[in-house]
């Protein structure tokens, strides 16, 4: 289920920009005796007695779709994720890419010279949202 949530880096950027939607989970920092790691807090799960560390919450952890919807609603930025098969179809590779539109600005991950495609849906969403946050 963790793959449904944005990364900690994106969650922090969204927080800085005023993201205020309710979220199922949060990112928190463990205390030093547990390794100082940044972890996705799992509400509703057995937290193995770590409830006392809830004050270490850093930010909410939105779902990918929540982040995409918020960018569209609050920043007029549309992220269009494209899932395609190879045009020739002979090798079966995925040709996933994204297009971002904000006013007159447009970013297409297939760029003129880069021709970047994503085989992994999560890496494509992450890259798309990071680029959209730069607009």
C-alpha atoms as a PDB file:
ATOM      1  CA  UNK A   1       0.000   0.000   0.000  1.00  0.00           C
ATOM      2  CA  UNK A   2       2.935   2.370   0.571  1.00  0.00           C
ATOM      3  CA  UNK A   3       3.392   2.775  -3.196  1.00  0.00           C
ATOM      4  CA  UNK A   4       0.057   4.657  -3.265  1.00  0.00           C
ATOM      5  CA  UNK A   5       1.551   7.583  -1.313  1.00  0.00           C
ATOM      6  CA  UNK A   6       3.763  10.370  -2.628  1.00  0.00           C
ATOM      7  CA  UNK A   7       7.391  10.379  -1.561  1.00  0.00           C
ATOM      8  CA  UNK A   8       8.517  12.303   1.506  1.00  0.00           C
ATOM      9  CA  UNK A   9      10.241  14.869  -0.748  1.00  0.00           C
ATOM     10  CA  UNK A  10       7.026  15.571  -2.667  1.00  0.00           C
ATOM     11  CA  UNK A  11       4.943  15.638   0.531  1.00  0.00           C
ATOM     12  CA  UNK A  12       7.207  18.350   1.971  1.00  0.00           C
ATOM     13  CA  UNK A  13       6.999  20.453  -1.212  1.00  0.00           C
ATOM     14  CA  UNK A  14       3.219  20.142  -1.256  1.00  0.00           C
ATOM     15  CA  UNK A  15       3.111  21.221   2.392  1.00  0.00           C
ATOM     16  CA  UNK A  16       5.237  24.291   1.583  1.00  0.00           C
ATOM     17  CA  UNK A  17       2.782  25.199  -1.195  1.00  0.00           C
ATOM     18  CA  UNK A  18      -0.209  24.935   1.143  1.00  0.00           C
ATOM     19  CA  UNK A  19      -1.529  21.417   0.562  1.00  0.00           C
ATOM     20  CA  UNK A  20      -4.270  21.039   3.176  1.00  0.00           C
ATOM     21  CA  UNK A  21      -6.377  18.020   2.196  1.00  0.00           C
ATOM     22  CA  UNK A  22      -7.006  15.308   4.819  1.00  0.00           C
ATOM     23  CA  UNK A  23      -4.668  12.332   4.404  1.00  0.00           C
ATOM     24  CA  UNK A  24      -4.714   8.729   5.591  1.00  0.00           C
ATOM     25  CA  UNK A  25      -1.045   8.714   6.624  1.00  0.00           C
ATOM     26  CA  UNK A  26       1.844  10.976   7.589  1.00  0.00           C
ATOM     27  CA  UNK A  27       5.619  10.884   7.376  1.00  0.00           C
ATOM     28  CA  UNK A  28       7.328  10.939  10.728  1.00  0.00           C
ATOM     29  CA  UNK A  29      10.876  10.799  11.985  1.00  0.00           C
ATOM     30  CA  UNK A  30      11.753   8.027  14.389  1.00  0.00           C
ATOM     31  CA  UNK A  31      13.619   8.929  17.530  1.00  0.00           C
ATOM     32  CA  UNK A  32      17.392   8.310  17.506  1.00  0.00           C
ATOM     33  CA  UNK A  33      17.096   5.065  19.472  1.00  0.00           C
ATOM     34  CA  UNK A  34      15.071   3.658  16.560  1.00  0.00           C
ATOM     35  CA  UNK A  35      17.475   4.921  13.898  1.00  0.00           C
ATOM     36  CA  UNK A  36      16.316   8.462  13.045  1.00  0.00           C
ATOM     37  CA  UNK A  37      14.595   7.117   9.908  1.00  0.00           C
ATOM     38  CA  UNK A  38      11.785   8.881   8.077  1.00  0.00           C
ATOM     39  CA  UNK A  39       8.869   6.467   7.974  1.00  0.00           C
ATOM     40  CA  UNK A  40       5.350   6.414   6.609  1.00  0.00           C
ATOM     41  CA  UNK A  41       3.094   6.385   9.684  1.00  0.00           C
ATOM     42  CA  UNK A  42       0.421   3.737   9.367  1.00  0.00           C
ATOM     43  CA  UNK A  43      -2.743   4.875  11.118  1.00  0.00           C
ATOM     44  CA  UNK A  44      -4.907   1.959  12.157  1.00  0.00           C
ATOM     45  CA  UNK A  45      -2.010  -0.511  12.283  1.00  0.00           C
ATOM     46  CA  UNK A  46      -0.209  -1.886  15.313  1.00  0.00           C
ATOM     47  CA  UNK A  47       2.627   0.593  15.767  1.00  0.00           C
ATOM     48  CA  UNK A  48       4.528  -1.612  18.214  1.00  0.00           C
ATOM     49  CA  UNK A  49       4.294   0.825  21.115  1.00  0.00           C
ATOM     50  CA  UNK A  50       5.616   3.783  19.136  1.00  0.00           C
ATOM     51  CA  UNK A  51       2.603   6.005  19.799  1.00  0.00           C
ATOM     52  CA  UNK A  52       4.744   8.135  22.090  1.00  0.00           C
ATOM     53  CA  UNK A  53       6.746   9.249  19.034  1.00  0.00           C
ATOM     54  CA  UNK A  54       3.779  10.738  17.202  1.00  0.00           C
ATOM     55  CA  UNK A  55       5.122  14.231  17.958  1.00  0.00           C
ATOM     56  CA  UNK A  56       7.812  13.554  15.350  1.00  0.00           C
ATOM     57  CA  UNK A  57       5.314  13.862  12.480  1.00  0.00           C
ATOM     58  CA  UNK A  58       6.906  15.885   9.676  1.00  0.00           C
ATOM     59  CA  UNK A  59       4.050  16.198   7.180  1.00  0.00           C
ATOM     60  CA  UNK A  60       0.963  14.516   5.800  1.00  0.00           C
ATOM     61  CA  UNK A  61       1.404  11.833   3.131  1.00  0.00           C
ATOM     62  CA  UNK A  62      -1.102  12.374   0.326  1.00  0.00           C
ATOM     63  CA  UNK A  63      -1.983   9.737  -2.224  1.00  0.00           C
ATOM     64  CA  UNK A  64      -0.584  10.280  -5.723  1.00  0.00           C
ATOM     65  CA  UNK A  65      -4.059  11.054  -7.026  1.00  0.00           C
ATOM     66  CA  UNK A  66      -4.703  13.550  -4.214  1.00  0.00           C
ATOM     67  CA  UNK A  67      -1.540  15.424  -5.201  1.00  0.00           C
ATOM     68  CA  UNK A  68      -2.484  15.441  -8.890  1.00  0.00           C
ATOM     69  CA  UNK A  69      -6.032  16.618  -8.094  1.00  0.00           C
ATOM     70  CA  UNK A  70      -4.759  19.352  -5.739  1.00  0.00           C
ATOM     71  CA  UNK A  71      -2.337  20.664  -8.357  1.00  0.00           C
ATOM     72  CA  UNK A  72      -5.189  20.881 -10.860  1.00  0.00           C
ATOM     73  CA  UNK A  73      -7.617  22.547  -8.407  1.00  0.00           C
ATOM     74  CA  UNK A  74      -5.285  24.972  -6.616  1.00  0.00           C
ATOM     75  CA  UNK A  75      -2.520  25.683  -9.139  1.00  0.00           C
ATOM     76  CA  UNK A  76      -4.349  25.162 -12.435  1.00  0.00           C
ATOM     77  CA  UNK A  77      -1.764  22.537 -13.394  1.00  0.00           C
ATOM     78  CA  UNK A  78      -2.972  19.496 -15.305  1.00  0.00           C
ATOM     79  CA  UNK A  79      -0.897  16.325 -15.274  1.00  0.00           C
ATOM     80  CA  UNK A  80      -1.859  13.894 -18.012  1.00  0.00           C
ATOM     81  CA  UNK A  81      -0.316  10.447 -17.482  1.00  0.00           C
ATOM     82  CA  UNK A  82      -0.139   8.378 -20.675  1.00  0.00           C
ATOM     83  CA  UNK A  83       0.118   4.608 -20.702  1.00  0.00           C
ATOM     84  CA  UNK A  84       1.003   3.263 -24.126  1.00  0.00           C
ATOM     85  CA  UNK A  85       2.412   0.173 -25.725  1.00  0.00           C
ATOM     86  CA  UNK A  86       5.242   0.453 -28.236  1.00  0.00           C
ATOM     87  CA  UNK A  87       3.842   1.841 -31.482  1.00  0.00           C
ATOM     88  CA  UNK A  88       5.348  -1.063 -33.405  1.00  0.00           C
ATOM     89  CA  UNK A  89       4.085  -3.568 -30.859  1.00  0.00           C
ATOM     90  CA  UNK A  90       6.787  -6.079 -31.711  1.00  0.00           C
ATOM     91  CA  UNK A  91       8.824  -5.778 -28.521  1.00  0.00           C
ATOM     92  CA  UNK A  92       5.983  -5.074 -26.078  1.00  0.00           C
ATOM     93  CA  UNK A  93       7.874  -2.384 -24.115  1.00  0.00           C
ATOM     94  CA  UNK A  94       5.753   0.121 -22.255  1.00  0.00           C
ATOM     95  CA  UNK A  95       6.008   3.654 -23.528  1.00  0.00           C
ATOM     96  CA  UNK A  96       4.613   5.539 -20.544  1.00  0.00           C
ATOM     97  CA  UNK A  97       5.018   9.311 -20.554  1.00  0.00           C
ATOM     98  CA  UNK A  98       3.402  12.435 -19.135  1.00  0.00           C
ATOM     99  CA  UNK A  99       2.292  15.860 -20.294  1.00  0.00           C
ATOM    100  CA  UNK A 100       1.942  18.805 -17.888  1.00  0.00           C
ATOM    101  CA  UNK A 101      -0.013  21.935 -18.778  1.00  0.00           C
ATOM    102  CA  UNK A 102      -0.158  25.173 -16.799  1.00  0.00           C
ATOM    103  CA  UNK A 103      -1.417  28.190 -18.707  1.00  0.00           C
ATOM    104  CA  UNK A 104       0.936  28.597 -21.643  1.00  0.00           C
ATOM    105  CA  UNK A 105       3.563  26.320 -20.092  1.00  0.00           C
ATOM    106  CA  UNK A 106       3.694  22.751 -21.328  1.00  0.00           C
ATOM    107  CA  UNK A 107       6.115  19.979 -20.424  1.00  0.00           C
ATOM    108  CA  UNK A 108       6.119  16.747 -22.406  1.00  0.00           C
ATOM    109  CA  UNK A 109       8.414  14.020 -21.052  1.00  0.00           C
ATOM    110  CA  UNK A 110       8.877  12.769 -24.613  1.00  0.00           C
ATOM    111  CA  UNK A 111      10.850  15.989 -25.281  1.00  0.00           C
ATOM    112  CA  UNK A 112      12.293  16.669 -28.753  1.00  0.00           C
ATOM    113  CA  UNK A 113      15.660  15.093 -28.063  1.00  0.00           C
ATOM    114  CA  UNK A 114      15.290  13.229 -24.762  1.00  0.00           C
ATOM    115  CA  UNK A 115      12.568  10.743 -25.741  1.00  0.00           C
ATOM    116  CA  UNK A 116      12.148   9.719 -22.090  1.00  0.00           C
ATOM    117  CA  UNK A 117       9.707   6.921 -21.363  1.00  0.00           C
ATOM    118  CA  UNK A 118       8.881   5.327 -18.019  1.00  0.00           C
ATOM    119  CA  UNK A 119       8.532   1.608 -17.471  1.00  0.00           C
ATOM    120  CA  UNK A 120       7.536   2.139 -13.847  1.00  0.00           C
ATOM    121  CA  UNK A 121       4.257   3.930 -13.061  1.00  0.00           C
ATOM    122  CA  UNK A 122       5.505   5.262  -9.716  1.00  0.00           C
ATOM    123  CA  UNK A 123       8.673   6.801 -11.160  1.00  0.00           C
ATOM    124  CA  UNK A 124       6.576   8.450 -13.875  1.00  0.00           C
ATOM    125  CA  UNK A 125       4.148   9.949 -11.321  1.00  0.00           C
ATOM    126  CA  UNK A 126       7.016  11.137  -9.134  1.00  0.00           C
ATOM    127  CA  UNK A 127       8.821  12.840 -12.014  1.00  0.00           C
ATOM    128  CA  UNK A 128       5.591  14.409 -13.299  1.00  0.00           C
ATOM    129  CA  UNK A 129       4.640  15.880  -9.920  1.00  0.00           C
ATOM    130  CA  UNK A 130       8.175  17.178  -9.265  1.00  0.00           C
ATOM    131  CA  UNK A 131       8.165  18.921 -12.672  1.00  0.00           C
ATOM    132  CA  UNK A 132       4.662  20.333 -12.034  1.00  0.00           C
ATOM    133  CA  UNK A 133       5.771  21.742  -8.668  1.00  0.00           C
ATOM    134  CA  UNK A 134       8.501  23.691 -10.483  1.00  0.00           C
ATOM    135  CA  UNK A 135       5.961  25.603 -12.605  1.00  0.00           C
END
